Amino acid sequence: MSDSASGPAPGYLDTRRLRMVAANAQLISIDIEGRAALADALGVQVPDNWPPDLYDRTTMQFALDELGDPAVRGWSYWYLQLREPEGHELVGISGFKGRPDARGSVEISYSILSQFRRRGLATEAVSGLLGWAFRHPAVAQVTAETFPWLEQSLGVLRNCGFTLEGQGSEPGVVRYSVNRSMLR
């Protein structure tokens, strides 16, 4: 797949309440060092229960390995931080599971710290990243997988225009998608 030159350059995105910072190898390395180092690097408070669900050391190391290729930046994790006047804290992480494939499909993921859930922040982050992804001409579809009993996650997907495709890549997981043509 082509690199960021075929679409908007990564760095950060601002939504109404969030500043979303695209991870790079240095930032992931700092995150692995610990919360204090990450707080200094991002200039925000990092809550005691960082990292959020599904973003563990194994995941961080995978992202670090992937981000050795600068063209992956933007197609990996984005750190989600509250913008003023909402606060100045890290609230979660979202992003993609790699660059788009040959069909123009890319998978999105998201995880919000427990104390920031049920505020629409995941929906806001996913919506912002959908816009970013679809500004890349080669992206035709964004997918997401979740468990069918995670009502909050399903709500995020539905609110962002995703529709159920069927069974996901692992047992018990369902797959949702949104196509570029659906958003016009």
C-alpha atoms as a PDB file:
ATOM      1  CA  MET A   1       0.000   0.000   0.000  1.00  0.00           C
ATOM      2  CA  SER A   2       1.210   3.500  -0.605  1.00  0.00           C
ATOM      3  CA  ASP A   3       2.613   5.616   2.176  1.00  0.00           C
ATOM      4  CA  SER A   4       1.323   8.797   3.757  1.00  0.00           C
ATOM      5  CA  ALA A   5       2.318  10.800   0.666  1.00  0.00           C
ATOM      6  CA  SER A   6      -0.905   9.543  -0.968  1.00  0.00           C
ATOM      7  CA  GLY A   7      -3.056  11.238   1.656  1.00  0.00           C
ATOM      8  CA  PRO A   8      -2.930  13.542   4.659  1.00  0.00           C
ATOM      9  CA  ALA A   9       0.265  13.436   6.678  1.00  0.00           C
ATOM     10  CA  PRO A  10      -0.130  12.050  10.186  1.00  0.00           C
ATOM     11  CA  GLY A  11       0.753  14.006  13.302  1.00  0.00           C
ATOM     12  CA  TYR A  12      -2.325  14.951  15.211  1.00  0.00           C
ATOM     13  CA  LEU A  13      -6.034  15.420  14.696  1.00  0.00           C
ATOM     14  CA  ASP A  14      -8.305  17.647  16.714  1.00  0.00           C
ATOM     15  CA  THR A  15     -11.962  16.831  17.251  1.00  0.00           C
ATOM     16  CA  ARG A  16     -14.390  18.802  19.370  1.00  0.00           C
ATOM     17  CA  ARG A  17     -13.055  17.406  22.669  1.00  0.00           C
ATOM     18  CA  LEU A  18      -9.989  15.375  21.721  1.00  0.00           C
ATOM     19  CA  ARG A  19      -6.481  15.868  20.484  1.00  0.00           C
ATOM     20  CA  MET A  20      -5.453  12.632  18.793  1.00  0.00           C
ATOM     21  CA  VAL A  21      -1.682  12.174  18.492  1.00  0.00           C
ATOM     22  CA  ALA A  22      -0.341   9.657  15.962  1.00  0.00           C
ATOM     23  CA  ALA A  23       2.116   7.279  17.583  1.00  0.00           C
ATOM     24  CA  ASN A  24       5.656   6.901  16.315  1.00  0.00           C
ATOM     25  CA  ALA A  25       8.419   4.543  17.455  1.00  0.00           C
ATOM     26  CA  GLN A  26       9.795   7.077  19.925  1.00  0.00           C
ATOM     27  CA  LEU A  27       6.408   7.676  21.549  1.00  0.00           C
ATOM     28  CA  ILE A  28       5.678   3.949  21.885  1.00  0.00           C
ATOM     29  CA  SER A  29       9.138   3.437  23.434  1.00  0.00           C
ATOM     30  CA  ILE A  30       8.369   6.186  25.930  1.00  0.00           C
ATOM     31  CA  ASP A  31       4.990   4.587  26.690  1.00  0.00           C
ATOM     32  CA  ILE A  32       6.777   1.300  27.437  1.00  0.00           C
ATOM     33  CA  GLU A  33       9.049   3.186  29.891  1.00  0.00           C
ATOM     34  CA  GLY A  34       6.027   4.167  31.961  1.00  0.00           C
ATOM     35  CA  ARG A  35       3.339   6.716  32.740  1.00  0.00           C
ATOM     36  CA  ALA A  36       5.625   9.504  33.961  1.00  0.00           C
ATOM     37  CA  ALA A  37       7.707   9.457  30.786  1.00  0.00           C
ATOM     38  CA  LEU A  38       4.558   9.381  28.642  1.00  0.00           C
ATOM     39  CA  ALA A  39       3.048  12.300  30.565  1.00  0.00           C
ATOM     40  CA  ASP A  40       6.196  14.354  29.947  1.00  0.00           C
ATOM     41  CA  ALA A  41       6.301  13.452  26.251  1.00  0.00           C
ATOM     42  CA  LEU A  42       2.648  14.300  25.605  1.00  0.00           C
ATOM     43  CA  GLY A  43       2.352  17.165  28.080  1.00  0.00           C
ATOM     44  CA  VAL A  44      -0.793  15.693  29.656  1.00  0.00           C
ATOM     45  CA  GLN A  45      -1.792  13.832  32.797  1.00  0.00           C
ATOM     46  CA  VAL A  46      -1.681  10.059  32.426  1.00  0.00           C
ATOM     47  CA  PRO A  47      -4.145   8.351  34.802  1.00  0.00           C
ATOM     48  CA  ASP A  48      -2.973   5.637  37.188  1.00  0.00           C
ATOM     49  CA  ASN A  49      -4.908   2.946  35.311  1.00  0.00           C
ATOM     50  CA  TRP A  50      -3.044   3.528  32.030  1.00  0.00           C
ATOM     51  CA  PRO A  51      -2.885   1.666  29.659  1.00  0.00           C
ATOM     52  CA  PRO A  52      -6.494   0.968  28.637  1.00  0.00           C
ATOM     53  CA  ASP A  53      -7.936  -2.498  28.053  1.00  0.00           C
ATOM     54  CA  LEU A  54      -6.437  -4.455  25.148  1.00  0.00           C
ATOM     55  CA  TYR A  55      -3.334  -2.257  24.980  1.00  0.00           C
ATOM     56  CA  ASP A  56      -0.703  -4.227  26.874  1.00  0.00           C
ATOM     57  CA  ARG A  57       3.077  -4.571  26.577  1.00  0.00           C
ATOM     58  CA  THR A  58       2.749  -7.199  23.823  1.00  0.00           C
ATOM     59  CA  THR A  59       0.579  -4.831  21.789  1.00  0.00           C
ATOM     60  CA  MET A  60       2.960  -1.939  22.455  1.00  0.00           C
ATOM     61  CA  GLN A  61       5.918  -4.019  21.283  1.00  0.00           C
ATOM     62  CA  PHE A  62       4.053  -5.038  18.110  1.00  0.00           C
ATOM     63  CA  ALA A  63       3.308  -1.366  17.386  1.00  0.00           C
ATOM     64  CA  LEU A  64       6.928  -0.446  18.073  1.00  0.00           C
ATOM     65  CA  ASP A  65       8.137  -3.076  15.612  1.00  0.00           C
ATOM     66  CA  GLU A  66       5.661  -1.921  12.955  1.00  0.00           C
ATOM     67  CA  LEU A  67       6.559   1.745  13.429  1.00  0.00           C
ATOM     68  CA  GLY A  68      10.159   1.016  12.426  1.00  0.00           C
ATOM     69  CA  ASP A  69       8.747   1.784   8.964  1.00  0.00           C
ATOM     70  CA  PRO A  70       7.898   5.533   8.977  1.00  0.00           C
ATOM     71  CA  ALA A  71       5.166   4.940   6.368  1.00  0.00           C
ATOM     72  CA  VAL A  72       3.141   3.107   9.030  1.00  0.00           C
ATOM     73  CA  ARG A  73       2.719   6.275  11.129  1.00  0.00           C
ATOM     74  CA  GLY A  74      -0.952   7.116  11.225  1.00  0.00           C
ATOM     75  CA  TRP A  75      -1.849   3.488  10.452  1.00  0.00           C
ATOM     76  CA  SER A  76      -0.962   2.433  13.980  1.00  0.00           C
ATOM     77  CA  TYR A  77      -2.088   3.890  17.297  1.00  0.00           C
ATOM     78  CA  TRP A  78      -3.340   7.364  18.096  1.00  0.00           C
ATOM     79  CA  TYR A  79      -3.180   8.596  21.694  1.00  0.00           C
ATOM     80  CA  LEU A  80      -6.452  10.252  22.764  1.00  0.00           C
ATOM     81  CA  GLN A  81      -6.194  13.205  25.077  1.00  0.00           C
ATOM     82  CA  LEU A  82      -8.868  15.578  26.309  1.00  0.00           C
ATOM     83  CA  ARG A  83      -8.558  19.123  25.040  1.00  0.00           C
ATOM     84  CA  GLU A  84      -9.278  22.152  27.191  1.00  0.00           C
ATOM     85  CA  PRO A  85     -11.729  23.051  28.696  1.00  0.00           C
ATOM     86  CA  GLU A  86     -12.680  19.359  29.109  1.00  0.00           C
ATOM     87  CA  GLY A  87      -9.386  18.597  30.809  1.00  0.00           C
ATOM     88  CA  HIS A  88      -5.856  17.738  29.891  1.00  0.00           C
ATOM     89  CA  GLU A  89      -5.635  13.978  30.390  1.00  0.00           C
ATOM     90  CA  LEU A  90      -4.929  10.904  28.342  1.00  0.00           C
ATOM     91  CA  VAL A  91      -8.257   9.049  28.019  1.00  0.00           C
ATOM     92  CA  GLY A  92      -7.550   6.148  25.678  1.00  0.00           C
ATOM     93  CA  ILE A  93      -6.088   4.913  22.462  1.00  0.00           C
ATOM     94  CA  SER A  94      -7.483   4.265  19.023  1.00  0.00           C
ATOM     95  CA  GLY A  95      -6.013   3.508  15.655  1.00  0.00           C
ATOM     96  CA  PHE A  96      -5.588   1.055  12.856  1.00  0.00           C
ATOM     97  CA  LYS A  97      -4.157  -2.436  12.706  1.00  0.00           C
ATOM     98  CA  GLY A  98      -1.717  -1.573   9.950  1.00  0.00           C
ATOM     99  CA  ARG A  99      -1.898   0.065   6.553  1.00  0.00           C
ATOM    100  CA  PRO A 100      -4.781  -0.632   4.157  1.00  0.00           C
ATOM    101  CA  ASP A 101      -4.581  -3.932   2.312  1.00  0.00           C
ATOM    102  CA  ALA A 102      -4.592  -4.361  -1.486  1.00  0.00           C
ATOM    103  CA  ARG A 103      -8.411  -4.095  -1.514  1.00  0.00           C
ATOM    104  CA  GLY A 104      -8.306  -0.754   0.294  1.00  0.00           C
ATOM    105  CA  SER A 105      -9.562  -2.174   3.592  1.00  0.00           C
ATOM    106  CA  VAL A 106      -8.164  -1.198   6.988  1.00  0.00           C
ATOM    107  CA  GLU A 107      -9.236  -2.317  10.478  1.00  0.00           C
ATOM    108  CA  ILE A 108      -9.817   0.200  13.263  1.00  0.00           C
ATOM    109  CA  SER A 109      -9.645  -0.359  17.026  1.00  0.00           C
ATOM    110  CA  TYR A 110     -10.343   1.721  20.126  1.00  0.00           C
ATOM    111  CA  SER A 111     -10.124   1.515  23.898  1.00  0.00           C
ATOM    112  CA  ILE A 112     -11.118   4.146  26.452  1.00  0.00           C
ATOM    113  CA  LEU A 113     -10.078   4.113  30.113  1.00  0.00           C
ATOM    114  CA  SER A 114     -12.980   3.061  32.322  1.00  0.00           C
ATOM    115  CA  GLN A 115     -13.491   6.437  34.037  1.00  0.00           C
ATOM    116  CA  PHE A 116     -13.958   8.178  30.659  1.00  0.00           C
ATOM    117  CA  ARG A 117     -16.457   5.753  29.119  1.00  0.00           C
ATOM    118  CA  ARG A 118     -20.077   6.571  28.283  1.00  0.00           C
ATOM    119  CA  ARG A 119     -19.193  10.146  27.277  1.00  0.00           C
ATOM    120  CA  GLY A 120     -19.073   9.631  23.506  1.00  0.00           C
ATOM    121  CA  LEU A 121     -15.272   9.873  23.369  1.00  0.00           C
ATOM    122  CA  ALA A 122     -14.799   6.564  21.527  1.00  0.00           C
ATOM    123  CA  THR A 123     -17.414   7.615  18.968  1.00  0.00           C
ATOM    124  CA  GLU A 124     -15.662  10.953  18.540  1.00  0.00           C
ATOM    125  CA  ALA A 125     -12.264   9.274  18.092  1.00  0.00           C
ATOM    126  CA  VAL A 126     -13.524   6.662  15.620  1.00  0.00           C
ATOM    127  CA  SER A 127     -15.388   9.323  13.652  1.00  0.00           C
ATOM    128  CA  GLY A 128     -12.238  11.467  13.464  1.00  0.00           C
ATOM    129  CA  LEU A 129     -10.121   8.537  12.306  1.00  0.00           C
ATOM    130  CA  LEU A 130     -12.735   7.518   9.720  1.00  0.00           C
ATOM    131  CA  GLY A 131     -12.469  10.983   8.224  1.00  0.00           C
ATOM    132  CA  TRP A 132      -8.675  10.756   8.268  1.00  0.00           C
ATOM    133  CA  ALA A 133      -8.669   7.288   6.649  1.00  0.00           C
ATOM    134  CA  PHE A 134     -11.147   8.180   3.918  1.00  0.00           C
ATOM    135  CA  ARG A 135      -9.076  11.219   2.950  1.00  0.00           C
ATOM    136  CA  HIS A 136      -6.577   8.638   1.656  1.00  0.00           C
ATOM    137  CA  PRO A 137      -7.761   7.867  -1.894  1.00  0.00           C
ATOM    138  CA  ALA A 138      -6.812   4.177  -1.667  1.00  0.00           C
ATOM    139  CA  VAL A 139      -9.021   3.498   1.378  1.00  0.00           C
ATOM    140  CA  ALA A 140     -12.346   2.014   0.316  1.00  0.00           C
ATOM    141  CA  GLN A 141     -13.459   0.357   3.565  1.00  0.00           C
ATOM    142  CA  VAL A 142     -12.841   0.516   7.310  1.00  0.00           C
ATOM    143  CA  THR A 143     -13.660  -2.567   9.389  1.00  0.00           C
ATOM    144  CA  ALA A 144     -13.856  -3.290  13.114  1.00  0.00           C
ATOM    145  CA  GLU A 145     -14.272  -6.440  15.162  1.00  0.00           C
ATOM    146  CA  THR A 146     -15.818  -6.784  18.599  1.00  0.00           C
ATOM    147  CA  PHE A 147     -17.687  -9.211  20.797  1.00  0.00           C
ATOM    148  CA  PRO A 148     -21.475  -9.163  20.269  1.00  0.00           C
ATOM    149  CA  TRP A 149     -22.151  -8.626  23.995  1.00  0.00           C
ATOM    150  CA  LEU A 150     -20.091  -5.421  24.229  1.00  0.00           C
ATOM    151  CA  GLU A 151     -23.030  -3.044  23.861  1.00  0.00           C
ATOM    152  CA  GLN A 152     -20.910   0.098  24.257  1.00  0.00           C
ATOM    153  CA  SER A 153     -18.575  -0.999  21.472  1.00  0.00           C
ATOM    154  CA  LEU A 154     -21.501  -1.895  19.214  1.00  0.00           C
ATOM    155  CA  GLY A 155     -22.984   1.534  19.914  1.00  0.00           C
ATOM    156  CA  VAL A 156     -19.759   3.239  18.837  1.00  0.00           C
ATOM    157  CA  LEU A 157     -19.763   1.328  15.567  1.00  0.00           C
ATOM    158  CA  ARG A 158     -23.432   1.966  14.827  1.00  0.00           C
ATOM    159  CA  ASN A 159     -23.090   5.668  15.688  1.00  0.00           C
ATOM    160  CA  CYS A 160     -20.232   5.918  13.187  1.00  0.00           C
ATOM    161  CA  GLY A 161     -22.176   4.293  10.338  1.00  0.00           C
ATOM    162  CA  PHE A 162     -20.770   0.759  10.515  1.00  0.00           C
ATOM    163  CA  THR A 163     -23.008  -2.154   9.572  1.00  0.00           C
ATOM    164  CA  LEU A 164     -22.762  -5.784  10.597  1.00  0.00           C
ATOM    165  CA  GLU A 165     -20.909  -7.977   8.097  1.00  0.00           C
ATOM    166  CA  GLY A 166     -21.054 -11.219  10.076  1.00  0.00           C
ATOM    167  CA  GLN A 167     -18.582 -13.422  11.877  1.00  0.00           C
ATOM    168  CA  GLY A 168     -15.156 -11.971  12.605  1.00  0.00           C
ATOM    169  CA  SER A 169     -11.673 -13.433  12.304  1.00  0.00           C
ATOM    170  CA  GLU A 170     -11.829 -15.254  15.660  1.00  0.00           C
ATOM    171  CA  PRO A 171     -14.524 -17.426  17.251  1.00  0.00           C
ATOM    172  CA  GLY A 172     -17.230 -15.387  18.973  1.00  0.00           C
ATOM    173  CA  VAL A 173     -16.205 -12.100  17.341  1.00  0.00           C
ATOM    174  CA  VAL A 174     -18.409 -10.114  14.946  1.00  0.00           C
ATOM    175  CA  ARG A 175     -17.186  -7.908  12.101  1.00  0.00           C
ATOM    176  CA  TYR A 176     -18.580  -4.529  11.126  1.00  0.00           C
ATOM    177  CA  SER A 177     -17.645  -2.303   8.214  1.00  0.00           C
ATOM    178  CA  VAL A 178     -18.252   1.064   6.658  1.00  0.00           C
ATOM    179  CA  ASN A 179     -17.471   1.772   3.008  1.00  0.00           C
ATOM    180  CA  ARG A 180     -16.468   5.089   1.502  1.00  0.00           C
ATOM    181  CA  SER A 181     -19.633   5.026  -0.622  1.00  0.00           C
ATOM    182  CA  MET A 182     -21.793   4.709   2.527  1.00  0.00           C
ATOM    183  CA  LEU A 183     -20.556   8.025   3.882  1.00  0.00           C
ATOM    184  CA  ARG A 184     -21.395  10.165   0.876  1.00  0.00           C
END
